[in-house]
Amino acid sequence: MHYRIFSLTGALLAGAALSCGAAYAAELRVLTHSSFAVPKPLLERFEADAGVTLRITKTGDAGEMLNKLILTRAAPVADVVFGIDNTLVGKAMAAQVLEPYKGPAATRASSVSLPGAVVPVDYGYVSINYDKAWFAKSKLPLPKSLDDLTQPKYAKLLAVQNPATSSTGNAFMLATIGSMGEEKAFAWWARMRSNGLKVAKGWSEAYYTEFSQNGGAYPLVVSYATSPAAELFYSNGKFTEPPTGSLNLPGAVFRQVEGVALVKGATARLAAEKFIEFMRSTPVQQGLQTEMWMFPVEPGAPRADALRFAPEPGASSSPSAQDMDSKGPGWVARWTKVVLK
């Protein structure tokens, strides 16, 4: 999700508590990740319609956000939470920090789904991006598979994120496990280590420091299928087509679905329910596409013109939700041992 720092709104400091418009006596506390971004006029309209002041607290990565929710469950710091995704929903449900919501947004058909008490809002795809100019200049053919990347000619070309510190890196690791199985996946990771794999702490370090499109040394980087469209959108006319592309290699694509949920013990339950409906409203479903660079879950939501440069991958890979929940920490520990130690 951290590719959404492309949006200036999404780049606000983690941990900041933001108020969006006029002050109202009632307050709705929203806990979210640092990449949350909805057009400000829509947030102000929600405040006016609901008669509340939004207090939006951003806490870095989605994993950090959920940990904060769990650590404060005895005295909840939020009424509603946005950003729990399909890699975290099992942990959230097991921690019993959420309340079920049965309103229209929870029962209406959506393009994707989430289990438990989390209502889906948007989805996107983690995939490998490439620098078009670098490959054109080098005349090296684009890799067609994960196995290709282990060949000597692709040595020292790929930058990834550490799954222990990055949700993007974790999603990519999960894609490899989902497609190859645990043993073959970690054998692949071992070969990649030997082939000069670059590991960055998080998405921003990998994308803005290591990726050759931004002056780094690596023409391949784990990012998102919508990143090329965002590059064009924010180029201010410098490009007429995206300078980067998404490879969407088999077994290297992970579909991330994130949603919104009521926090158990919420003090502003009615306003929190209205916020859930708000996040599934047509204006928000349209606005998030070029703010958070995600796809809308409402089947009838018009697609932003900018997303014509972000075709959805034909397939994605993932372990089961149960395995992600029960085996995820062990997989991260094993990845660390195989790749870093």
Protein backbone atom coordinates (compact mmCIF):
# COMPACT_ATOMS: atom_id res chain seq x y z
CA MET A 1 0.00 0.00 0.00
CA HIS A 2 2.89 2.39 0.48
CA TYR A 3 3.05 3.25 -3.19
CA ARG A 4 0.22 5.62 -2.39
CA ILE A 5 2.80 8.12 -1.16
CA PHE A 6 2.54 9.28 -4.80
CA SER A 7 -0.46 11.18 -3.44
CA LEU A 8 0.48 14.24 -1.41
CA THR A 9 -2.44 13.56 0.89
CA GLY A 10 -1.16 10.03 1.43
CA ALA A 11 2.25 11.31 2.43
CA LEU A 12 1.14 13.04 5.62
CA LEU A 13 3.20 12.20 8.66
CA ALA A 14 2.43 8.92 10.37
CA GLY A 15 0.89 9.27 13.78
CA ALA A 16 -0.70 12.64 13.01
CA ALA A 17 -4.25 13.28 14.17
CA LEU A 18 -6.02 15.24 11.46
CA SER A 19 -9.22 17.26 11.60
CA CYS A 20 -10.73 17.88 8.21
CA GLY A 21 -13.13 20.82 8.40
CA ALA A 22 -15.40 22.76 10.71
CA ALA A 23 -15.53 21.74 14.36
CA TYR A 24 -18.60 19.87 15.61
CA ALA A 25 -19.39 18.94 19.19
CA ALA A 26 -19.36 15.22 18.45
CA GLU A 27 -16.15 13.51 17.34
CA LEU A 28 -15.53 10.41 15.24
CA ARG A 29 -12.13 8.81 15.78
CA VAL A 30 -10.76 7.08 12.68
CA LEU A 31 -7.63 4.93 12.93
CA THR A 32 -5.85 4.22 9.66
CA HIS A 33 -2.46 3.75 7.97
CA SER A 34 -0.21 6.50 6.66
CA SER A 35 -1.37 6.00 3.06
CA PHE A 36 -5.03 6.79 3.71
CA ALA A 37 -6.19 9.50 1.31
CA VAL A 38 -9.71 10.65 0.45
CA PRO A 39 -10.37 14.02 -1.23
CA LYS A 40 -10.73 16.67 1.48
CA PRO A 41 -14.04 18.07 0.15
CA LEU A 42 -15.59 14.61 0.57
CA LEU A 43 -14.36 14.37 4.16
CA GLU A 44 -15.73 17.82 4.91
CA ARG A 45 -19.08 16.86 3.37
CA PHE A 46 -19.19 13.76 5.56
CA GLU A 47 -18.56 15.88 8.65
CA ALA A 48 -21.42 18.20 7.73
CA ASP A 49 -23.83 15.38 6.89
CA ALA A 50 -22.99 13.33 10.00
CA GLY A 51 -22.59 16.32 12.31
CA VAL A 52 -19.23 15.15 13.62
CA THR A 53 -15.62 16.25 13.58
CA LEU A 54 -13.40 13.61 12.02
CA ARG A 55 -10.28 12.83 14.04
CA ILE A 56 -8.09 10.79 11.67
CA THR A 57 -5.04 9.17 13.25
CA LYS A 58 -2.42 7.71 10.89
CA THR A 59 -0.07 5.13 12.39
CA GLY A 60 2.39 4.12 9.68
CA ASP A 61 2.03 0.66 8.15
CA ALA A 62 -1.22 -1.30 8.34
CA GLY A 63 0.50 -3.81 10.60
CA GLU A 64 1.45 -1.04 13.03
CA MET A 65 -2.12 0.23 12.86
CA LEU A 66 -3.54 -3.15 13.86
CA ASN A 67 -0.98 -3.57 16.64
CA LYS A 68 -2.05 -0.21 18.06
CA LEU A 69 -5.67 -1.32 17.94
CA ILE A 70 -4.84 -4.53 19.79
CA LEU A 71 -2.65 -2.86 22.42
CA THR A 72 -5.36 -0.30 23.22
CA ARG A 73 -8.38 -2.62 23.15
CA ALA A 74 -9.04 -2.08 26.88
CA ALA A 75 -9.49 1.63 26.15
CA PRO A 76 -10.07 1.94 22.37
CA VAL A 77 -8.42 4.89 20.63
CA ALA A 78 -10.79 4.75 17.66
CA ASP A 79 -14.42 4.17 16.75
CA VAL A 80 -13.75 2.91 13.24
CA VAL A 81 -10.64 1.56 11.51
CA PHE A 82 -9.70 1.63 7.83
CA GLY A 83 -6.88 -0.38 6.25
CA ILE A 84 -7.13 -3.90 7.65
CA ASP A 85 -6.42 -6.10 4.65
CA ASN A 86 -6.61 -9.77 3.73
CA THR A 87 -3.20 -10.46 5.30
CA LEU A 88 -4.31 -9.00 8.66
CA VAL A 89 -8.01 -9.75 8.98
CA GLY A 90 -7.41 -13.13 10.66
CA LYS A 91 -5.21 -11.51 13.31
CA ALA A 92 -7.78 -8.78 13.87
CA MET A 93 -10.63 -11.24 14.32
CA ALA A 94 -8.59 -13.44 16.66
CA ALA A 95 -7.78 -10.40 18.81
CA GLN A 96 -11.50 -9.60 19.06
CA VAL A 97 -11.02 -5.87 18.46
CA LEU A 98 -13.78 -5.49 15.85
CA GLU A 99 -17.58 -5.45 15.92
CA PRO A 100 -19.71 -6.91 13.10
CA TYR A 101 -21.56 -4.44 10.87
CA LYS A 102 -24.71 -5.55 9.07
CA GLY A 103 -25.67 -2.38 7.18
CA PRO A 104 -26.13 -1.96 3.40
CA ALA A 105 -22.40 -1.68 2.62
CA ALA A 106 -21.76 -5.02 4.33
CA THR A 107 -24.50 -6.87 2.46
CA ARG A 108 -24.26 -5.23 -0.96
CA ALA A 109 -22.41 -7.09 -3.71
CA SER A 110 -18.78 -6.09 -4.21
CA SER A 111 -16.02 -6.99 -6.66
CA VAL A 112 -13.99 -8.66 -3.91
CA SER A 113 -14.68 -9.82 -0.38
CA LEU A 114 -13.14 -9.98 3.09
CA PRO A 115 -14.02 -12.42 5.86
CA GLY A 116 -15.29 -11.50 9.29
CA ALA A 117 -16.31 -8.01 10.34
CA VAL A 118 -14.29 -6.06 7.76
CA VAL A 119 -16.25 -4.42 4.93
CA PRO A 120 -14.19 -4.29 1.70
CA VAL A 121 -13.46 -0.83 0.29
CA ASP A 122 -10.70 -1.16 -2.30
CA TYR A 123 -8.18 -3.58 -3.76
CA GLY A 124 -4.90 -3.55 -5.66
CA TYR A 125 -2.05 -5.77 -6.82
CA VAL A 126 1.54 -6.03 -5.63
CA SER A 127 3.78 -6.86 -8.59
CA ILE A 128 7.24 -6.28 -10.04
CA ASN A 129 7.68 -2.97 -11.90
CA TYR A 130 10.38 -2.29 -14.49
CA ASP A 131 12.16 0.78 -15.82
CA LYS A 132 11.33 0.96 -19.54
CA ALA A 133 14.25 3.22 -20.45
CA TRP A 134 16.79 1.01 -18.67
CA PHE A 135 15.67 -2.13 -20.48
CA ALA A 136 15.49 -0.35 -23.83
CA LYS A 137 19.05 0.91 -23.41
CA SER A 138 20.48 -2.39 -22.15
CA LYS A 139 18.61 -4.45 -24.77
CA LEU A 140 18.12 -7.13 -22.11
CA PRO A 141 14.81 -8.93 -22.65
CA LEU A 142 12.27 -8.58 -19.89
CA PRO A 143 12.11 -11.62 -17.59
CA LYS A 144 9.13 -13.87 -18.26
CA SER A 145 9.14 -15.85 -15.00
CA LEU A 146 10.42 -15.86 -11.45
CA ASP A 147 12.95 -18.50 -12.49
CA ASP A 148 14.33 -16.12 -15.12
CA LEU A 149 15.26 -13.73 -12.33
CA THR A 150 17.65 -16.31 -10.85
CA GLN A 151 19.72 -16.36 -14.06
CA PRO A 152 23.11 -14.58 -14.09
CA LYS A 153 22.00 -12.07 -16.74
CA TYR A 154 19.44 -10.71 -14.26
CA ALA A 155 21.89 -10.53 -11.36
CA LYS A 156 21.68 -7.41 -9.17
CA LEU A 157 18.59 -6.08 -10.97
CA LEU A 158 15.73 -6.59 -8.48
CA ALA A 159 14.97 -4.58 -5.34
CA VAL A 160 12.42 -5.94 -2.86
CA GLN A 161 11.16 -4.94 0.58
CA ASN A 162 11.80 -6.77 3.83
CA PRO A 163 8.55 -8.59 4.74
CA ALA A 164 9.35 -8.07 8.42
CA THR A 165 9.11 -4.29 8.01
CA SER A 166 6.99 -3.79 4.88
CA SER A 167 3.45 -4.84 4.00
CA THR A 168 4.44 -4.65 0.32
CA GLY A 169 7.37 -6.98 0.92
CA ASN A 170 5.19 -9.32 2.94
CA ALA A 171 2.60 -9.47 0.16
CA PHE A 172 5.27 -10.31 -2.43
CA MET A 173 6.69 -13.06 -0.22
CA LEU A 174 3.17 -14.47 0.21
CA ALA A 175 2.65 -14.46 -3.56
CA THR A 176 5.74 -16.63 -4.06
CA ILE A 177 4.62 -19.05 -1.34
CA GLY A 178 1.10 -19.18 -2.73
CA SER A 179 2.32 -20.04 -6.21
CA MET A 180 5.24 -22.37 -5.49
CA GLY A 181 4.56 -23.78 -2.05
CA GLU A 182 6.72 -23.07 0.97
CA GLU A 183 9.76 -25.23 0.17
CA LYS A 184 10.13 -24.22 -3.48
CA ALA A 185 9.47 -20.59 -2.64
CA PHE A 186 12.26 -20.39 -0.09
CA ALA A 187 14.59 -22.26 -2.45
CA TRP A 188 13.83 -19.53 -5.00
CA TRP A 189 14.56 -16.84 -2.42
CA ALA A 190 17.90 -18.49 -1.64
CA ARG A 191 18.81 -18.42 -5.34
CA MET A 192 17.81 -14.78 -5.53
CA ARG A 193 20.06 -13.95 -2.61
CA SER A 194 22.95 -15.54 -4.48
CA ASN A 195 21.98 -13.54 -7.57
CA GLY A 196 22.37 -10.15 -5.92
CA LEU A 197 18.88 -9.41 -4.62
CA LYS A 198 18.61 -5.97 -3.01
CA VAL A 199 16.52 -5.75 0.18
CA ALA A 200 15.15 -2.40 1.36
CA LYS A 201 13.35 -1.68 4.61
CA GLY A 202 10.15 -0.45 3.00
CA TRP A 203 8.41 0.51 -0.20
CA SER A 204 9.55 4.12 -0.28
CA GLU A 205 13.21 3.15 0.17
CA ALA A 206 12.98 0.52 -2.56
CA TYR A 207 11.04 2.67 -5.00
CA TYR A 208 12.54 6.12 -4.49
CA THR A 209 16.11 5.17 -3.58
CA GLU A 210 16.92 1.83 -5.25
CA PHE A 211 14.73 1.88 -8.40
CA SER A 212 16.60 3.15 -11.47
CA GLN A 213 13.58 5.21 -12.59
CA ASN A 214 14.31 7.40 -9.58
CA GLY A 215 18.09 7.40 -9.83
CA GLY A 216 18.89 4.07 -8.16
CA ALA A 217 20.78 1.08 -9.53
CA TYR A 218 17.96 -1.48 -9.81
CA PRO A 219 15.68 -1.50 -12.89
CA LEU A 220 13.25 -3.96 -11.27
CA VAL A 221 11.38 -3.23 -8.05
CA VAL A 222 8.47 -4.73 -6.17
CA SER A 223 5.68 -2.16 -6.25
CA TYR A 224 2.07 -2.11 -7.48
CA ALA A 225 0.26 -2.69 -10.76
CA THR A 226 -1.05 0.89 -10.56
CA SER A 227 2.36 2.49 -9.97
CA PRO A 228 3.02 3.08 -13.70
CA ALA A 229 -0.29 4.93 -14.00
CA ALA A 230 0.61 7.03 -10.96
CA GLU A 231 4.01 7.86 -12.48
CA LEU A 232 2.26 9.27 -15.54
CA PHE A 233 -0.44 11.05 -13.53
CA TYR A 234 2.08 12.93 -11.39
CA SER A 235 4.56 13.68 -14.19
CA ASN A 236 2.95 17.08 -14.95
CA GLY A 237 3.05 16.42 -18.67
CA LYS A 238 6.64 15.16 -18.78
CA PHE A 239 5.47 11.78 -20.09
CA THR A 240 2.72 10.83 -22.53
CA GLU A 241 2.83 7.21 -21.40
CA PRO A 242 4.08 5.58 -18.21
CA PRO A 243 7.90 5.42 -17.98
CA THR A 244 7.55 2.18 -16.05
CA GLY A 245 5.58 -1.01 -16.51
CA SER A 246 4.24 -3.86 -14.41
CA LEU A 247 5.54 -7.32 -15.31
CA ASN A 248 2.73 -9.30 -13.64
CA LEU A 249 4.87 -12.45 -13.72
CA PRO A 250 3.12 -15.74 -12.91
CA GLY A 251 3.40 -16.36 -9.18
CA ALA A 252 4.64 -12.83 -8.48
CA VAL A 253 1.33 -10.98 -8.10
CA PHE A 254 -0.58 -10.61 -4.83
CA ARG A 255 -4.08 -9.15 -4.66
CA GLN A 256 -4.48 -6.95 -1.61
CA VAL A 257 -8.01 -6.20 -0.40
CA GLU A 258 -8.51 -3.66 2.36
CA GLY A 259 -11.55 -2.53 4.22
CA VAL A 260 -13.22 -0.65 7.04
CA ALA A 261 -14.63 -1.96 10.32
CA LEU A 262 -16.25 -0.93 13.59
CA VAL A 263 -13.96 -0.98 16.60
CA LYS A 264 -15.26 -2.92 19.59
CA GLY A 265 -16.12 -0.50 22.36
CA ALA A 266 -16.66 2.42 19.98
CA THR A 267 -18.23 5.45 21.66
CA ALA A 268 -19.58 6.96 18.43
CA ARG A 269 -21.20 3.86 16.96
CA LEU A 270 -23.81 5.60 14.79
CA ALA A 271 -21.26 7.96 13.21
CA ALA A 272 -18.87 5.03 12.70
CA GLU A 273 -21.57 3.15 10.80
CA LYS A 274 -22.15 6.22 8.64
CA PHE A 275 -18.42 6.34 7.92
CA ILE A 276 -18.50 2.75 6.66
CA GLU A 277 -21.32 3.64 4.28
CA PHE A 278 -19.39 6.76 3.26
CA MET A 279 -16.33 4.71 2.27
CA ARG A 280 -18.52 2.65 -0.05
CA SER A 281 -20.30 5.66 -1.55
CA THR A 282 -19.81 6.44 -5.25
CA PRO A 283 -17.88 9.72 -4.71
CA VAL A 284 -15.36 8.02 -2.39
CA GLN A 285 -15.09 4.95 -4.61
CA GLN A 286 -14.22 7.29 -7.47
CA GLY A 287 -11.92 9.56 -5.47
CA LEU A 288 -9.77 6.84 -3.91
CA GLN A 289 -8.67 5.65 -7.35
CA THR A 290 -6.28 8.57 -7.88
CA GLU A 291 -5.67 9.31 -4.20
CA MET A 292 -4.81 5.84 -2.91
CA TRP A 293 -4.28 4.30 -6.37
CA MET A 294 -6.50 1.35 -5.64
CA PHE A 295 -9.42 -0.18 -7.52
CA PRO A 296 -12.98 0.38 -6.21
CA VAL A 297 -14.97 -2.58 -4.91
CA GLU A 298 -18.35 -1.19 -5.96
CA PRO A 299 -19.09 -2.91 -9.31
CA GLY A 300 -20.83 0.19 -10.69
CA ALA A 301 -18.22 2.75 -9.67
CA PRO A 302 -16.84 4.54 -12.76
CA ARG A 303 -13.13 3.95 -13.32
CA ALA A 304 -10.83 6.96 -13.32
CA ASP A 305 -9.37 7.73 -16.73
CA ALA A 306 -5.86 7.49 -15.27
CA LEU A 307 -6.39 3.80 -14.52
CA ARG A 308 -6.57 2.93 -18.20
CA PHE A 309 -2.79 2.66 -17.83
CA ALA A 310 -3.23 0.15 -15.00
CA PRO A 311 -4.85 -3.01 -16.38
CA GLU A 312 -5.66 -5.54 -13.71
CA PRO A 313 -3.40 -8.63 -13.76
CA GLY A 314 -5.09 -11.74 -15.07
CA ALA A 315 -4.10 -13.84 -12.07
CA SER A 316 -2.70 -13.49 -8.57
CA SER A 317 -1.29 -15.90 -6.00
CA SER A 318 -1.85 -16.22 -2.27
CA PRO A 319 -1.77 -18.82 0.49
CA SER A 320 -5.07 -19.49 2.22
CA ALA A 321 -6.30 -16.94 4.77
CA GLN A 322 -5.88 -19.56 7.49
CA ASP A 323 -2.26 -20.24 6.50
CA MET A 324 -1.44 -16.53 6.29
CA ASP A 325 -2.77 -16.11 9.81
CA SER A 326 -1.21 -19.19 11.41
CA LYS A 327 2.04 -19.49 9.44
CA GLY A 328 2.75 -15.89 8.49
CA PRO A 329 5.12 -15.05 11.37
CA GLY A 330 7.06 -18.27 10.78
CA TRP A 331 7.38 -17.52 7.09
CA VAL A 332 8.79 -14.07 7.83
CA ALA A 333 11.29 -15.58 10.26
CA ARG A 334 12.33 -18.17 7.68
CA TRP A 335 12.63 -15.50 4.97
CA THR A 336 14.91 -13.49 7.25
CA LYS A 337 17.13 -16.51 7.83
CA VAL A 338 17.27 -17.46 4.14
CA VAL A 339 17.75 -14.00 2.66
CA LEU A 340 19.48 -11.86 5.28
CA LYS A 341 21.48 -14.12 7.60
